[in-house]
Amino acid sequence: MFTKIAKPLLEGESTLHLVVCRDSDTQLRVTVHVMDPKPDAGAKESALSRPVTIVDTPENLDATLGDQLANYQAARQEARSSLADVTAALKEEADQNRKKARQTRTKLAAPEKAGVADTTAAKAERTGTAQMQLGDATPAPAPAPVAAAA
C-alpha cells in the first residue's frame, strides 16, 4: 500500500492522515484526510479539503486500499489543477469586462457636442418646445406641426 501512495506524497507538499477504526464486526472504516501546508483561499469550504471514508473488510482493504488512495490523490491533483485553470480564466474575463466598462463610461461621459445639440433638437421637436442655441437672446420658434392627411 505505501509504495502506491508514496509517489504522490513525495512529489507534492501534502500530508496524508489515515484514521482506521472498527465499523462493524467484519469491517473497518478508513478515513483519509489530505492536509495541504498552503491551503487556497476558501479551502476551508472546498470539497478538496474534506476527508474521504472507505468502509470494507480488512482483506479487501489490504488488496485495494493502496490503489484507491493513489487514484484519489491523482483525481484530487487533477481537480486542483482544473480549479486553478478555471480561476485564472475567470479572473482574465473579469479584467476584460472591467476594461470594457471603463471604456464605455469614458465614451458616455464625454459625448460630442453635435450629439448633444441633436439630442436637444430632437427633444424640442418631440415636445413642441422652443429650442435655444448658445448665444441666442430669444428662443427659436418651434417647428410647425405637420397636418395629418385625412
C-alpha atoms as a PDB file:
ATOM      1  CA  MET A   1       0.000   0.000   0.000  1.00  0.00           C
ATOM      2  CA  PHE A   2       2.705   2.508   0.935  1.00  0.00           C
ATOM      3  CA  THR A   3       4.616   2.080  -2.314  1.00  0.00           C
ATOM      4  CA  LYS A   4       1.441   3.040  -4.219  1.00  0.00           C
ATOM      5  CA  ILE A   5       0.765   6.196  -2.220  1.00  0.00           C
ATOM      6  CA  ALA A   6       4.384   7.239  -1.708  1.00  0.00           C
ATOM      7  CA  LYS A   7       4.938   8.778  -5.171  1.00  0.00           C
ATOM      8  CA  PRO A   8       2.176  11.429  -4.963  1.00  0.00           C
ATOM      9  CA  LEU A   9       3.129  12.236  -1.385  1.00  0.00           C
ATOM     10  CA  LEU A  10       6.841  12.529  -2.084  1.00  0.00           C
ATOM     11  CA  GLU A  11       6.307  14.692  -5.184  1.00  0.00           C
ATOM     12  CA  GLY A  12       3.904  17.106  -3.504  1.00  0.00           C
ATOM     13  CA  GLU A  13       3.813  19.009  -0.273  1.00  0.00           C
ATOM     14  CA  SER A  14       0.685  17.302   1.086  1.00  0.00           C
ATOM     15  CA  THR A  15       0.417  15.245   4.245  1.00  0.00           C
ATOM     16  CA  LEU A  16      -1.894  12.236   4.313  1.00  0.00           C
ATOM     17  CA  HIS A  17      -3.701  11.433   7.570  1.00  0.00           C
ATOM     18  CA  LEU A  18      -5.213   7.954   7.896  1.00  0.00           C
ATOM     19  CA  VAL A  19      -7.604   7.071  10.698  1.00  0.00           C
ATOM     20  CA  VAL A  20      -8.554   3.392  10.956  1.00  0.00           C
ATOM     21  CA  CYS A  21     -11.339   2.249  13.273  1.00  0.00           C
ATOM     22  CA  ARG A  22     -13.858  -0.560  13.634  1.00  0.00           C
ATOM     23  CA  ASP A  23     -17.108  -0.058  11.730  1.00  0.00           C
ATOM     24  CA  SER A  24     -18.794  -3.408  12.379  1.00  0.00           C
ATOM     25  CA  ASP A  25     -17.882  -6.958  13.392  1.00  0.00           C
ATOM     26  CA  THR A  26     -16.370  -7.626   9.963  1.00  0.00           C
ATOM     27  CA  GLN A  27     -15.499  -4.203   8.526  1.00  0.00           C
ATOM     28  CA  LEU A  28     -13.057  -1.387   9.148  1.00  0.00           C
ATOM     29  CA  ARG A  29     -13.574   2.300   8.465  1.00  0.00           C
ATOM     30  CA  VAL A  30     -10.594   4.164   6.985  1.00  0.00           C
ATOM     31  CA  THR A  31     -10.850   7.956   6.922  1.00  0.00           C
ATOM     32  CA  VAL A  32      -8.348   9.747   4.698  1.00  0.00           C
ATOM     33  CA  HIS A  33      -7.670  13.441   5.134  1.00  0.00           C
ATOM     34  CA  VAL A  34      -5.169  15.239   2.903  1.00  0.00           C
ATOM     35  CA  MET A  35      -3.617  18.242   4.585  1.00  0.00           C
ATOM     36  CA  ASP A  36      -2.109  20.950   2.376  1.00  0.00           C
ATOM     37  CA  PRO A  37       0.540  23.167   4.004  1.00  0.00           C
ATOM     38  CA  LYS A  38      -0.598  26.173   1.964  1.00  0.00           C
ATOM     39  CA  PRO A  39      -4.371  25.947   1.539  1.00  0.00           C
ATOM     40  CA  ASP A  40      -6.009  28.044  -1.167  1.00  0.00           C
ATOM     41  CA  ALA A  41      -8.308  30.922  -0.313  1.00  0.00           C
ATOM     42  CA  GLY A  42     -11.665  29.457   0.611  1.00  0.00           C
ATOM     43  CA  ALA A  43     -10.129  25.996   1.050  1.00  0.00           C
ATOM     44  CA  LYS A  44     -11.946  25.596   4.349  1.00  0.00           C
ATOM     45  CA  GLU A  45     -15.184  25.264   2.370  1.00  0.00           C
ATOM     46  CA  SER A  46     -13.646  23.370  -0.528  1.00  0.00           C
ATOM     47  CA  ALA A  47     -14.606  19.794  -1.329  1.00  0.00           C
ATOM     48  CA  LEU A  48     -10.894  19.132  -1.778  1.00  0.00           C
ATOM     49  CA  SER A  49     -10.335  19.714   1.939  1.00  0.00           C
ATOM     50  CA  ARG A  50     -12.945  17.217   3.127  1.00  0.00           C
ATOM     51  CA  PRO A  51     -11.911  13.739   4.248  1.00  0.00           C
ATOM     52  CA  VAL A  52     -12.801  10.575   2.329  1.00  0.00           C
ATOM     53  CA  THR A  53     -14.074   7.489   4.124  1.00  0.00           C
ATOM     54  CA  ILE A  54     -13.719   3.903   2.919  1.00  0.00           C
ATOM     55  CA  VAL A  55     -15.541   1.051   4.686  1.00  0.00           C
ATOM     56  CA  ASP A  56     -14.571  -2.517   3.778  1.00  0.00           C
ATOM     57  CA  THR A  57     -13.300  -5.810   5.142  1.00  0.00           C
ATOM     58  CA  PRO A  58      -9.649  -5.995   6.226  1.00  0.00           C
ATOM     59  CA  GLU A  59      -8.915  -8.421   3.371  1.00  0.00           C
ATOM     60  CA  ASN A  60     -10.364  -6.078   0.740  1.00  0.00           C
ATOM     61  CA  LEU A  61      -8.601  -3.085   2.286  1.00  0.00           C
ATOM     62  CA  ASP A  62      -5.306  -4.989   2.069  1.00  0.00           C
ATOM     63  CA  ALA A  63      -5.959  -5.702  -1.591  1.00  0.00           C
ATOM     64  CA  THR A  64      -7.391  -2.362  -2.765  1.00  0.00           C
ATOM     65  CA  LEU A  65      -6.665   0.490  -0.348  1.00  0.00           C
ATOM     66  CA  GLY A  66      -3.312   1.387  -1.912  1.00  0.00           C
ATOM     67  CA  ASP A  67      -4.838   1.657  -5.408  1.00  0.00           C
ATOM     68  CA  GLN A  68      -7.844   3.591  -4.087  1.00  0.00           C
ATOM     69  CA  LEU A  69      -5.623   6.107  -2.290  1.00  0.00           C
ATOM     70  CA  ALA A  70      -3.325   6.510  -5.304  1.00  0.00           C
ATOM     71  CA  ASN A  71      -6.365   7.106  -7.557  1.00  0.00           C
ATOM     72  CA  TYR A  72      -7.800   9.556  -5.031  1.00  0.00           C
ATOM     73  CA  GLN A  73      -4.534  11.515  -4.913  1.00  0.00           C
ATOM     74  CA  ALA A  74      -4.380  11.641  -8.741  1.00  0.00           C
ATOM     75  CA  ALA A  75      -8.014  12.761  -9.046  1.00  0.00           C
ATOM     76  CA  ARG A  76      -7.508  15.345  -6.330  1.00  0.00           C
ATOM     77  CA  GLN A  77      -4.444  16.782  -8.060  1.00  0.00           C
ATOM     78  CA  GLU A  78      -6.317  16.927 -11.390  1.00  0.00           C
ATOM     79  CA  ALA A  79      -9.223  18.735  -9.708  1.00  0.00           C
ATOM     80  CA  ARG A  80      -6.847  21.262  -8.121  1.00  0.00           C
ATOM     81  CA  SER A  81      -5.216  21.886 -11.493  1.00  0.00           C
ATOM     82  CA  SER A  82      -8.590  22.306 -13.236  1.00  0.00           C
ATOM     83  CA  LEU A  83      -9.780  24.628 -10.493  1.00  0.00           C
ATOM     84  CA  ALA A  84      -6.664  26.774 -10.884  1.00  0.00           C
ATOM     85  CA  ASP A  85      -7.212  26.952 -14.675  1.00  0.00           C
ATOM     86  CA  VAL A  86     -10.859  27.966 -14.277  1.00  0.00           C
ATOM     87  CA  THR A  87      -9.991  30.567 -11.637  1.00  0.00           C
ATOM     88  CA  ALA A  88      -7.341  32.103 -13.901  1.00  0.00           C
ATOM     89  CA  ALA A  89      -9.770  32.201 -16.850  1.00  0.00           C
ATOM     90  CA  LEU A  90     -12.472  33.856 -14.730  1.00  0.00           C
ATOM     91  CA  LYS A  91     -10.042  36.486 -13.454  1.00  0.00           C
ATOM     92  CA  GLU A  92      -8.938  37.253 -17.022  1.00  0.00           C
ATOM     93  CA  GLU A  93     -12.553  37.581 -18.169  1.00  0.00           C
ATOM     94  CA  ALA A  94     -13.372  39.842 -15.215  1.00  0.00           C
ATOM     95  CA  ASP A  95     -10.400  42.068 -16.065  1.00  0.00           C
ATOM     96  CA  GLN A  96     -11.542  42.332 -19.686  1.00  0.00           C
ATOM     97  CA  ASN A  97     -15.100  43.191 -18.588  1.00  0.00           C
ATOM     98  CA  ARG A  98     -13.805  45.905 -16.254  1.00  0.00           C
ATOM     99  CA  LYS A  99     -11.711  47.356 -19.088  1.00  0.00           C
ATOM    100  CA  LYS A 100     -14.740  47.394 -21.433  1.00  0.00           C
ATOM    101  CA  ALA A 101     -16.878  49.025 -18.736  1.00  0.00           C
ATOM    102  CA  ARG A 102     -14.263  51.745 -18.196  1.00  0.00           C
ATOM    103  CA  GLN A 103     -14.124  52.411 -21.949  1.00  0.00           C
ATOM    104  CA  THR A 104     -17.916  52.608 -22.125  1.00  0.00           C
ATOM    105  CA  ARG A 105     -18.077  55.005 -19.178  1.00  0.00           C
ATOM    106  CA  THR A 106     -15.401  57.180 -20.791  1.00  0.00           C
ATOM    107  CA  LYS A 107     -17.369  57.345 -24.042  1.00  0.00           C
ATOM    108  CA  LEU A 108     -20.613  58.186 -22.253  1.00  0.00           C
ATOM    109  CA  ALA A 109     -19.008  60.804 -20.016  1.00  0.00           C
ATOM    110  CA  ALA A 110     -17.679  62.886 -22.946  1.00  0.00           C
ATOM    111  CA  PRO A 111     -20.368  62.949 -25.667  1.00  0.00           C
ATOM    112  CA  GLU A 112     -19.709  65.000 -28.773  1.00  0.00           C
ATOM    113  CA  LYS A 113     -21.259  68.485 -28.817  1.00  0.00           C
ATOM    114  CA  ALA A 114     -23.048  67.709 -32.065  1.00  0.00           C
ATOM    115  CA  GLY A 115     -24.658  64.726 -30.410  1.00  0.00           C
ATOM    116  CA  VAL A 116     -25.906  66.934 -27.553  1.00  0.00           C
ATOM    117  CA  ALA A 117     -27.286  69.523 -29.995  1.00  0.00           C
ATOM    118  CA  ASP A 118     -29.002  66.794 -31.993  1.00  0.00           C
ATOM    119  CA  THR A 119     -30.492  65.364 -28.844  1.00  0.00           C
ATOM    120  CA  THR A 120     -31.729  68.798 -27.749  1.00  0.00           C
ATOM    121  CA  ALA A 121     -33.205  69.466 -31.204  1.00  0.00           C
ATOM    122  CA  ALA A 122     -34.871  66.066 -31.256  1.00  0.00           C
ATOM    123  CA  LYS A 123     -36.350  66.665 -27.798  1.00  0.00           C
ATOM    124  CA  ALA A 124     -37.635  70.117 -28.828  1.00  0.00           C
ATOM    125  CA  GLU A 125     -39.208  68.622 -31.930  1.00  0.00           C
ATOM    126  CA  ARG A 126     -40.912  65.836 -29.945  1.00  0.00           C
ATOM    127  CA  THR A 127     -42.226  68.116 -27.240  1.00  0.00           C
ATOM    128  CA  GLY A 128     -43.020  71.135 -29.401  1.00  0.00           C
ATOM    129  CA  THR A 129     -40.958  73.461 -27.205  1.00  0.00           C
ATOM    130  CA  ALA A 130     -38.682  76.221 -28.423  1.00  0.00           C
ATOM    131  CA  GLN A 131     -35.029  75.449 -28.939  1.00  0.00           C
ATOM    132  CA  MET A 132     -32.453  77.957 -27.767  1.00  0.00           C
ATOM    133  CA  GLN A 133     -28.933  77.999 -29.206  1.00  0.00           C
ATOM    134  CA  LEU A 134     -25.983  79.251 -27.220  1.00  0.00           C
ATOM    135  CA  GLY A 135     -25.613  82.974 -27.754  1.00  0.00           C
ATOM    136  CA  ASP A 136     -29.256  83.454 -28.813  1.00  0.00           C
ATOM    137  CA  ALA A 137     -31.134  86.093 -26.860  1.00  0.00           C
ATOM    138  CA  THR A 138     -34.544  84.587 -27.662  1.00  0.00           C
ATOM    139  CA  PRO A 139     -35.542  81.005 -28.330  1.00  0.00           C
ATOM    140  CA  ALA A 140     -36.133  79.925 -31.899  1.00  0.00           C
ATOM    141  CA  PRO A 141     -39.769  79.134 -32.675  1.00  0.00           C
ATOM    142  CA  ALA A 142     -40.805  75.528 -32.535  1.00  0.00           C
ATOM    143  CA  PRO A 143     -41.319  73.856 -35.895  1.00  0.00           C
ATOM    144  CA  ALA A 144     -44.877  73.904 -37.162  1.00  0.00           C
ATOM    145  CA  PRO A 145     -46.784  70.653 -36.615  1.00  0.00           C
ATOM    146  CA  VAL A 146     -47.371  68.628 -39.744  1.00  0.00           C
ATOM    147  CA  ALA A 147     -51.075  68.174 -40.503  1.00  0.00           C
ATOM    148  CA  ALA A 148     -52.065  64.573 -40.994  1.00  0.00           C
ATOM    149  CA  ALA A 149     -53.659  63.777 -44.311  1.00  0.00           C
ATOM    150  CA  ALA A 150     -57.270  62.692 -43.930  1.00  0.00           C
END
